[in-house]
Amino acid sequence: MATPRGTSAVALSPRQPSGQNVGNNLFKSFTAKKYAEQAQAFLNAYWGEHEKDAEQIWKWTNQFIELDHEKKAEGCDLDEFNAHRFLEKAGETKRVVELREELRAIDMDFNKRMAIIEYLLFKFKRTVADFVKRPQGTNEELAKAQAALQEAQNEIARIEAKKNELQEKSNGTGVAAMRAKNELEQLLSQDNTELNKRTLTAEAAVRKAQKLGGEAAQGALWWINRELEELKKYKPKRNLAK
């Protein structure tokens, strides 16, 4: 993960109107990242100050993903309507006019959308100018751990796709439907050897990355470990009938 360099951007108050943020291309490169990557970047930059907030940031990130109905985890920002919904979920009980003013202050790149990195800087009263000067850190084993975790997540995606296919077929009638129903039951009850193997590989890679110590990319390391915890809880479940 590359280390952001300093920038000549003007200092920006967390509540300063976004129109005063002169085109900070480096910051825009962060707002264009996926939600989880933005959250990791914030934690990398402010690990010493906000390690204690990592779990809450994890929850907020998943709320962003839940509210992004089009792109989900692949998205990077919310439109105004869903940004308002997030602020309400986050405990904001203000009137619509006040929420609009708050969203305007959060929107630091002035695109009328809310990225989670914008919300985090606003929430914790950090500035864009300070954020982009903070080192993201490097960890030579981090990329390997991320790749290993992605392999395990890909296996879960494969299992889910197969489960959905079999469940759809099992809703029919005849021999094919009965075969699909049997295969579905096997899938739901069996111990997935390939997933277990990939999970163990990811665990080993994360441990190796953590052993390097230091302050390098501590937010990203925490995030990978947190994702690993969720991954280990996975067990395919039958979809609820619509």
C-alpha atoms as a PDB file:
ATOM      1  CA  MET A   1       0.000   0.000   0.000  1.00  0.00           C
ATOM      2  CA  ALA A   2       1.560   3.265  -1.151  1.00  0.00           C
ATOM      3  CA  THR A   3       2.367   5.960   1.345  1.00  0.00           C
ATOM      4  CA  PRO A   4       0.506   9.240   0.594  1.00  0.00           C
ATOM      5  CA  ARG A   5       2.821  12.207   0.241  1.00  0.00           C
ATOM      6  CA  GLY A   6       2.282  15.729   1.482  1.00  0.00           C
ATOM      7  CA  THR A   7       0.049  18.065  -0.464  1.00  0.00           C
ATOM      8  CA  SER A   8      -0.347  21.804  -0.854  1.00  0.00           C
ATOM      9  CA  ALA A   9      -4.078  21.654  -0.123  1.00  0.00           C
ATOM     10  CA  VAL A  10      -5.370  24.351   2.194  1.00  0.00           C
ATOM     11  CA  ALA A  11      -6.287  23.392   5.737  1.00  0.00           C
ATOM     12  CA  LEU A  12      -9.955  22.481   5.944  1.00  0.00           C
ATOM     13  CA  SER A  13     -12.056  22.580   9.081  1.00  0.00           C
ATOM     14  CA  PRO A  14     -14.197  19.440   9.443  1.00  0.00           C
ATOM     15  CA  ARG A  15     -17.273  21.692   9.359  1.00  0.00           C
ATOM     16  CA  GLN A  16     -15.963  24.088   6.700  1.00  0.00           C
ATOM     17  CA  PRO A  17     -18.154  24.359   3.549  1.00  0.00           C
ATOM     18  CA  SER A  18     -16.865  21.978   0.902  1.00  0.00           C
ATOM     19  CA  GLY A  19     -16.692  24.714  -1.736  1.00  0.00           C
ATOM     20  CA  GLN A  20     -13.539  26.008  -0.033  1.00  0.00           C
ATOM     21  CA  ASN A  21     -11.749  22.709  -0.597  1.00  0.00           C
ATOM     22  CA  VAL A  22      -9.629  23.488  -3.649  1.00  0.00           C
ATOM     23  CA  GLY A  23      -9.497  20.384  -5.905  1.00  0.00           C
ATOM     24  CA  ASN A  24      -7.447  18.031  -3.828  1.00  0.00           C
ATOM     25  CA  ASN A  25      -6.684  15.230  -6.258  1.00  0.00           C
ATOM     26  CA  LEU A  26      -4.936  13.145  -3.637  1.00  0.00           C
ATOM     27  CA  PHE A  27      -7.972  13.243  -1.356  1.00  0.00           C
ATOM     28  CA  LYS A  28     -10.249  12.410  -4.282  1.00  0.00           C
ATOM     29  CA  SER A  29      -8.172   9.299  -4.881  1.00  0.00           C
ATOM     30  CA  PHE A  30      -9.209   8.185  -1.391  1.00  0.00           C
ATOM     31  CA  THR A  31     -12.897   9.023  -1.833  1.00  0.00           C
ATOM     32  CA  ALA A  32     -12.870   6.897  -5.000  1.00  0.00           C
ATOM     33  CA  LYS A  33     -11.778   3.790  -3.076  1.00  0.00           C
ATOM     34  CA  LYS A  34     -14.229   1.140  -1.864  1.00  0.00           C
ATOM     35  CA  TYR A  35     -15.849   1.765   1.514  1.00  0.00           C
ATOM     36  CA  ALA A  36     -13.669  -0.712   3.414  1.00  0.00           C
ATOM     37  CA  GLU A  37     -10.492   0.678   1.836  1.00  0.00           C
ATOM     38  CA  GLN A  38     -11.466   4.219   2.860  1.00  0.00           C
ATOM     39  CA  ALA A  39     -12.075   3.101   6.438  1.00  0.00           C
ATOM     40  CA  GLN A  40      -8.724   1.313   6.527  1.00  0.00           C
ATOM     41  CA  ALA A  41      -6.995   4.432   5.194  1.00  0.00           C
ATOM     42  CA  PHE A  42      -8.495   6.487   8.017  1.00  0.00           C
ATOM     43  CA  LEU A  43      -7.396   3.948  10.625  1.00  0.00           C
ATOM     44  CA  ASN A  44      -3.922   3.707   9.094  1.00  0.00           C
ATOM     45  CA  ALA A  45      -3.585   7.482   9.337  1.00  0.00           C
ATOM     46  CA  TYR A  46      -4.969   7.808  12.870  1.00  0.00           C
ATOM     47  CA  TRP A  47      -4.312   4.440  14.493  1.00  0.00           C
ATOM     48  CA  GLY A  48      -2.738   5.942  17.587  1.00  0.00           C
ATOM     49  CA  GLU A  49      -5.693   8.243  18.158  1.00  0.00           C
ATOM     50  CA  HIS A  50      -8.562   6.027  16.976  1.00  0.00           C
ATOM     51  CA  GLU A  51      -7.641   2.395  17.561  1.00  0.00           C
ATOM     52  CA  LYS A  52     -10.391   2.401  20.213  1.00  0.00           C
ATOM     53  CA  ASP A  53     -12.921   3.442  17.545  1.00  0.00           C
ATOM     54  CA  ALA A  54     -12.047   0.679  15.058  1.00  0.00           C
ATOM     55  CA  GLU A  55     -15.062  -1.512  15.858  1.00  0.00           C
ATOM     56  CA  GLN A  56     -17.484   1.399  15.531  1.00  0.00           C
ATOM     57  CA  ILE A  57     -15.880   2.378  12.223  1.00  0.00           C
ATOM     58  CA  TRP A  58     -16.341  -1.244  11.105  1.00  0.00           C
ATOM     59  CA  LYS A  59     -20.065  -0.985  11.919  1.00  0.00           C
ATOM     60  CA  TRP A  60     -20.473   2.347  10.152  1.00  0.00           C
ATOM     61  CA  THR A  61     -18.729   0.960   7.069  1.00  0.00           C
ATOM     62  CA  ASN A  62     -21.125  -1.956   6.909  1.00  0.00           C
ATOM     63  CA  GLN A  63     -24.039   0.461   7.229  1.00  0.00           C
ATOM     64  CA  PHE A  64     -22.711   2.378   4.208  1.00  0.00           C
ATOM     65  CA  ILE A  65     -22.499  -0.896   2.276  1.00  0.00           C
ATOM     66  CA  GLU A  66     -26.014  -1.876   3.318  1.00  0.00           C
ATOM     67  CA  LEU A  67     -27.402   1.471   2.149  1.00  0.00           C
ATOM     68  CA  ASP A  68     -25.599   1.340  -1.211  1.00  0.00           C
ATOM     69  CA  HIS A  69     -28.261  -0.669  -3.016  1.00  0.00           C
ATOM     70  CA  GLU A  70     -26.533  -0.549  -6.398  1.00  0.00           C
ATOM     71  CA  LYS A  71     -22.866  -1.275  -5.703  1.00  0.00           C
ATOM     72  CA  LYS A  72     -22.829  -2.598  -2.114  1.00  0.00           C
ATOM     73  CA  ALA A  73     -19.229  -3.298  -1.014  1.00  0.00           C
ATOM     74  CA  GLU A  74     -17.913  -2.169  -4.411  1.00  0.00           C
ATOM     75  CA  GLY A  75     -19.280   1.337  -3.894  1.00  0.00           C
ATOM     76  CA  CYS A  76     -17.462   4.414  -2.623  1.00  0.00           C
ATOM     77  CA  ASP A  77     -20.105   7.000  -1.660  1.00  0.00           C
ATOM     78  CA  LEU A  78     -23.819   7.455  -0.947  1.00  0.00           C
ATOM     79  CA  ASP A  79     -26.285   9.741  -2.668  1.00  0.00           C
ATOM     80  CA  GLU A  80     -27.997  12.455  -0.639  1.00  0.00           C
ATOM     81  CA  PHE A  81     -31.052  10.355   0.225  1.00  0.00           C
ATOM     82  CA  ASN A  82     -29.070   7.407   1.575  1.00  0.00           C
ATOM     83  CA  ALA A  83     -26.536   9.711   3.239  1.00  0.00           C
ATOM     84  CA  HIS A  84     -29.452  11.174   5.212  1.00  0.00           C
ATOM     85  CA  ARG A  85     -30.566   7.653   6.098  1.00  0.00           C
ATOM     86  CA  PHE A  86     -27.071   6.853   7.344  1.00  0.00           C
ATOM     87  CA  LEU A  87     -26.947   9.973   9.506  1.00  0.00           C
ATOM     88  CA  GLU A  88     -30.263   8.953  11.048  1.00  0.00           C
ATOM     89  CA  LYS A  89     -28.943   5.407  11.680  1.00  0.00           C
ATOM     90  CA  ALA A  90     -25.845   6.948  13.263  1.00  0.00           C
ATOM     91  CA  GLY A  91     -28.041   8.638  15.844  1.00  0.00           C
ATOM     92  CA  GLU A  92     -28.599  12.011  14.198  1.00  0.00           C
ATOM     93  CA  THR A  93     -32.102  13.181  15.164  1.00  0.00           C
ATOM     94  CA  LYS A  94     -32.000  16.574  13.512  1.00  0.00           C
ATOM     95  CA  ARG A  95     -34.545  18.100  11.174  1.00  0.00           C
ATOM     96  CA  VAL A  96     -34.179  17.631   7.422  1.00  0.00           C
ATOM     97  CA  VAL A  97     -32.794  21.162   6.947  1.00  0.00           C
ATOM     98  CA  GLU A  98     -30.151  20.570   9.618  1.00  0.00           C
ATOM     99  CA  LEU A  99     -29.223  17.215   8.102  1.00  0.00           C
ATOM    100  CA  ARG A 100     -28.757  18.887   4.713  1.00  0.00           C
ATOM    101  CA  GLU A 101     -26.433  21.459   6.272  1.00  0.00           C
ATOM    102  CA  GLU A 102     -24.470  18.681   7.964  1.00  0.00           C
ATOM    103  CA  LEU A 103     -24.204  16.720   4.730  1.00  0.00           C
ATOM    104  CA  ARG A 104     -22.963  19.866   2.954  1.00  0.00           C
ATOM    105  CA  ALA A 105     -20.209  20.190   5.567  1.00  0.00           C
ATOM    106  CA  ILE A 106     -19.265  16.522   5.274  1.00  0.00           C
ATOM    107  CA  ASP A 107     -19.088  16.613   1.453  1.00  0.00           C
ATOM    108  CA  MET A 108     -15.463  17.707   1.294  1.00  0.00           C
ATOM    109  CA  ASP A 109     -14.980  17.039  -2.417  1.00  0.00           C
ATOM    110  CA  PHE A 110     -18.233  18.867  -3.279  1.00  0.00           C
ATOM    111  CA  ASN A 111     -19.834  16.109  -5.399  1.00  0.00           C
ATOM    112  CA  LYS A 112     -23.113  16.078  -3.436  1.00  0.00           C
ATOM    113  CA  ARG A 113     -22.413  12.545  -2.242  1.00  0.00           C
ATOM    114  CA  MET A 114     -20.960  11.243   1.022  1.00  0.00           C
ATOM    115  CA  ALA A 115     -17.926   8.962   1.112  1.00  0.00           C
ATOM    116  CA  ILE A 116     -17.187   7.261   4.402  1.00  0.00           C
ATOM    117  CA  ILE A 117     -13.736   8.880   4.606  1.00  0.00           C
ATOM    118  CA  GLU A 118     -15.525  12.263   4.476  1.00  0.00           C
ATOM    119  CA  TYR A 119     -17.856  11.213   7.269  1.00  0.00           C
ATOM    120  CA  LEU A 120     -15.000   9.918   9.432  1.00  0.00           C
ATOM    121  CA  LEU A 121     -12.949  13.108   9.042  1.00  0.00           C
ATOM    122  CA  PHE A 122     -16.054  15.137   9.869  1.00  0.00           C
ATOM    123  CA  LYS A 123     -17.089  12.942  12.807  1.00  0.00           C
ATOM    124  CA  PHE A 124     -13.670  12.916  14.442  1.00  0.00           C
ATOM    125  CA  LYS A 125     -12.888  16.561  13.576  1.00  0.00           C
ATOM    126  CA  ARG A 126      -9.907  15.812  11.347  1.00  0.00           C
ATOM    127  CA  THR A 127      -8.934  17.876   8.307  1.00  0.00           C
ATOM    128  CA  VAL A 128      -8.270  16.801   4.752  1.00  0.00           C
ATOM    129  CA  ALA A 129      -4.917  18.584   4.802  1.00  0.00           C
ATOM    130  CA  ASP A 130      -3.817  16.634   7.877  1.00  0.00           C
ATOM    131  CA  PHE A 131      -5.170  13.316   6.615  1.00  0.00           C
ATOM    132  CA  VAL A 132      -3.352  13.337   3.285  1.00  0.00           C
ATOM    133  CA  LYS A 133      -0.052  14.106   5.028  1.00  0.00           C
ATOM    134  CA  ARG A 134      -0.389  11.150   7.382  1.00  0.00           C
ATOM    135  CA  PRO A 135       1.578   8.037   6.317  1.00  0.00           C
ATOM    136  CA  GLN A 136      -0.466   5.019   5.336  1.00  0.00           C
ATOM    137  CA  GLY A 137       2.453   2.740   6.127  1.00  0.00           C
ATOM    138  CA  THR A 138       3.708  -0.339   4.339  1.00  0.00           C
ATOM    139  CA  ASN A 139       3.842  -3.976   5.331  1.00  0.00           C
ATOM    140  CA  GLU A 140       5.491  -6.438   2.971  1.00  0.00           C
ATOM    141  CA  GLU A 141       3.232  -9.265   4.122  1.00  0.00           C
ATOM    142  CA  LEU A 142       0.035  -7.210   4.079  1.00  0.00           C
ATOM    143  CA  ALA A 143      -0.672  -7.729   0.385  1.00  0.00           C
ATOM    144  CA  LYS A 144      -0.211 -11.483   0.796  1.00  0.00           C
ATOM    145  CA  ALA A 145      -2.643 -11.543   3.722  1.00  0.00           C
ATOM    146  CA  GLN A 146      -5.190  -9.509   1.765  1.00  0.00           C
ATOM    147  CA  ALA A 147      -4.863 -11.845  -1.216  1.00  0.00           C
ATOM    148  CA  ALA A 148      -5.269 -14.939   0.971  1.00  0.00           C
ATOM    149  CA  LEU A 149      -8.373 -13.463   2.598  1.00  0.00           C
ATOM    150  CA  GLN A 150      -9.792 -12.614  -0.819  1.00  0.00           C
ATOM    151  CA  GLU A 151      -9.337 -16.240  -1.905  1.00  0.00           C
ATOM    152  CA  ALA A 152     -11.406 -17.391   1.065  1.00  0.00           C
ATOM    153  CA  GLN A 153     -14.066 -14.758   0.337  1.00  0.00           C
ATOM    154  CA  ASN A 154     -14.148 -15.877  -3.300  1.00  0.00           C
ATOM    155  CA  GLU A 155     -14.866 -19.427  -2.135  1.00  0.00           C
ATOM    156  CA  ILE A 156     -17.785 -18.174  -0.044  1.00  0.00           C
ATOM    157  CA  ALA A 157     -19.103 -16.308  -3.104  1.00  0.00           C
ATOM    158  CA  ARG A 158     -18.864 -19.548  -5.104  1.00  0.00           C
ATOM    159  CA  ILE A 159     -20.762 -21.486  -2.422  1.00  0.00           C
ATOM    160  CA  GLU A 160     -23.462 -18.805  -2.243  1.00  0.00           C
ATOM    161  CA  ALA A 161     -23.871 -18.782  -6.029  1.00  0.00           C
ATOM    162  CA  LYS A 162     -24.197 -22.581  -6.091  1.00  0.00           C
ATOM    163  CA  LYS A 163     -26.667 -22.505  -3.192  1.00  0.00           C
ATOM    164  CA  ASN A 164     -28.851 -19.913  -4.955  1.00  0.00           C
ATOM    165  CA  GLU A 165     -28.789 -21.921  -8.183  1.00  0.00           C
ATOM    166  CA  LEU A 166     -29.792 -25.163  -6.433  1.00  0.00           C
ATOM    167  CA  GLN A 167     -32.505 -23.480  -4.389  1.00  0.00           C
ATOM    168  CA  GLU A 168     -34.010 -21.983  -7.526  1.00  0.00           C
ATOM    169  CA  LYS A 169     -34.020 -25.370  -9.268  1.00  0.00           C
ATOM    170  CA  SER A 170     -35.426 -27.144  -6.204  1.00  0.00           C
ATOM    171  CA  ASN A 171     -38.542 -24.955  -6.322  1.00  0.00           C
ATOM    172  CA  GLY A 172     -39.678 -26.760  -9.465  1.00  0.00           C
ATOM    173  CA  THR A 173     -41.193 -30.186  -9.916  1.00  0.00           C
ATOM    174  CA  GLY A 174     -40.008 -33.504 -11.258  1.00  0.00           C
ATOM    175  CA  VAL A 175     -36.738 -35.402 -11.123  1.00  0.00           C
ATOM    176  CA  ALA A 176     -34.498 -32.370 -11.729  1.00  0.00           C
ATOM    177  CA  ALA A 177     -36.080 -30.466  -8.840  1.00  0.00           C
ATOM    178  CA  MET A 178     -35.699 -33.446  -6.516  1.00  0.00           C
ATOM    179  CA  ARG A 179     -32.030 -33.823  -7.503  1.00  0.00           C
ATOM    180  CA  ALA A 180     -31.404 -30.134  -6.875  1.00  0.00           C
ATOM    181  CA  LYS A 181     -33.120 -30.403  -3.479  1.00  0.00           C
ATOM    182  CA  ASN A 182     -30.839 -33.283  -2.474  1.00  0.00           C
ATOM    183  CA  GLU A 183     -27.727 -31.441  -3.654  1.00  0.00           C
ATOM    184  CA  LEU A 184     -28.844 -28.350  -1.749  1.00  0.00           C
ATOM    185  CA  GLU A 185     -29.247 -30.313   1.472  1.00  0.00           C
ATOM    186  CA  GLN A 186     -25.736 -31.737   1.032  1.00  0.00           C
ATOM    187  CA  LEU A 187     -24.307 -28.290   0.410  1.00  0.00           C
ATOM    188  CA  LEU A 188     -25.980 -26.865   3.513  1.00  0.00           C
ATOM    189  CA  SER A 189     -24.865 -29.679   5.789  1.00  0.00           C
ATOM    190  CA  GLN A 190     -21.402 -30.632   4.539  1.00  0.00           C
ATOM    191  CA  ASP A 191     -18.083 -29.368   5.877  1.00  0.00           C
ATOM    192  CA  ASN A 192     -16.517 -27.324   3.077  1.00  0.00           C
ATOM    193  CA  THR A 193     -12.946 -28.579   2.812  1.00  0.00           C
ATOM    194  CA  GLU A 194     -11.810 -25.983   0.285  1.00  0.00           C
ATOM    195  CA  LEU A 195     -13.136 -23.080   2.350  1.00  0.00           C
ATOM    196  CA  ASN A 196     -11.507 -24.466   5.492  1.00  0.00           C
ATOM    197  CA  LYS A 197      -8.205 -24.749   3.640  1.00  0.00           C
ATOM    198  CA  ARG A 198      -8.360 -21.185   2.344  1.00  0.00           C
ATOM    199  CA  THR A 199      -9.370 -19.861   5.761  1.00  0.00           C
ATOM    200  CA  LEU A 200      -6.361 -21.536   7.413  1.00  0.00           C
ATOM    201  CA  THR A 201      -4.091 -20.076   4.741  1.00  0.00           C
ATOM    202  CA  ALA A 202      -5.523 -16.606   5.371  1.00  0.00           C
ATOM    203  CA  GLU A 203      -5.078 -16.969   9.141  1.00  0.00           C
ATOM    204  CA  ALA A 204      -1.426 -17.915   8.687  1.00  0.00           C
ATOM    205  CA  ALA A 205      -0.838 -14.970   6.343  1.00  0.00           C
ATOM    206  CA  VAL A 206      -2.434 -12.526   8.795  1.00  0.00           C
ATOM    207  CA  ARG A 207      -0.326 -13.844  11.679  1.00  0.00           C
ATOM    208  CA  LYS A 208       2.818 -13.432   9.601  1.00  0.00           C
ATOM    209  CA  ALA A 209       1.883  -9.842   8.710  1.00  0.00           C
ATOM    210  CA  GLN A 210       1.173  -9.016  12.356  1.00  0.00           C
ATOM    211  CA  LYS A 211       4.548 -10.374  13.484  1.00  0.00           C
ATOM    212  CA  LEU A 212       6.316  -7.612  11.582  1.00  0.00           C
ATOM    213  CA  GLY A 213       5.226  -5.239  14.339  1.00  0.00           C
ATOM    214  CA  GLY A 214       5.676  -1.484  14.206  1.00  0.00           C
ATOM    215  CA  GLU A 215       3.031   1.037  13.243  1.00  0.00           C
ATOM    216  CA  ALA A 216       2.906   0.165   9.552  1.00  0.00           C
ATOM    217  CA  ALA A 217      -0.653  -0.123   8.183  1.00  0.00           C
ATOM    218  CA  GLN A 218      -2.049  -1.090  11.583  1.00  0.00           C
ATOM    219  CA  GLY A 219      -5.561  -0.115  10.537  1.00  0.00           C
ATOM    220  CA  ALA A 220      -5.463  -2.403   7.510  1.00  0.00           C
ATOM    221  CA  LEU A 221      -4.075  -5.250   9.609  1.00  0.00           C
ATOM    222  CA  TRP A 222      -6.842  -4.828  12.176  1.00  0.00           C
ATOM    223  CA  TRP A 223      -9.404  -4.782   9.359  1.00  0.00           C
ATOM    224  CA  ILE A 224      -8.141  -7.983   7.767  1.00  0.00           C
ATOM    225  CA  ASN A 225      -8.234  -9.746  11.120  1.00  0.00           C
ATOM    226  CA  ARG A 226     -11.784  -8.480  11.700  1.00  0.00           C
ATOM    227  CA  GLU A 227     -12.890  -9.722   8.294  1.00  0.00           C
ATOM    228  CA  LEU A 228     -11.291 -13.053   9.081  1.00  0.00           C
ATOM    229  CA  GLU A 229     -13.363 -13.304  12.268  1.00  0.00           C
ATOM    230  CA  GLU A 230     -16.540 -12.819  10.233  1.00  0.00           C
ATOM    231  CA  LEU A 231     -15.411 -15.269   7.587  1.00  0.00           C
ATOM    232  CA  LYS A 232     -14.875 -18.004  10.175  1.00  0.00           C
ATOM    233  CA  LYS A 233     -18.516 -17.666  11.278  1.00  0.00           C
ATOM    234  CA  TYR A 234     -19.801 -18.393   7.785  1.00  0.00           C
ATOM    235  CA  LYS A 235     -22.127 -21.308   7.175  1.00  0.00           C
ATOM    236  CA  PRO A 236     -24.426 -21.452   4.129  1.00  0.00           C
ATOM    237  CA  LYS A 237     -28.099 -21.011   5.009  1.00  0.00           C
ATOM    238  CA  ARG A 238     -31.246 -21.551   3.045  1.00  0.00           C
ATOM    239  CA  ASN A 239     -32.712 -18.371   1.591  1.00  0.00           C
ATOM    240  CA  LEU A 240     -35.994 -17.316   3.142  1.00  0.00           C
ATOM    241  CA  ALA A 241     -39.008 -17.716   0.912  1.00  0.00           C
ATOM    242  CA  LYS A 242     -40.161 -14.458  -0.626  1.00  0.00           C
END
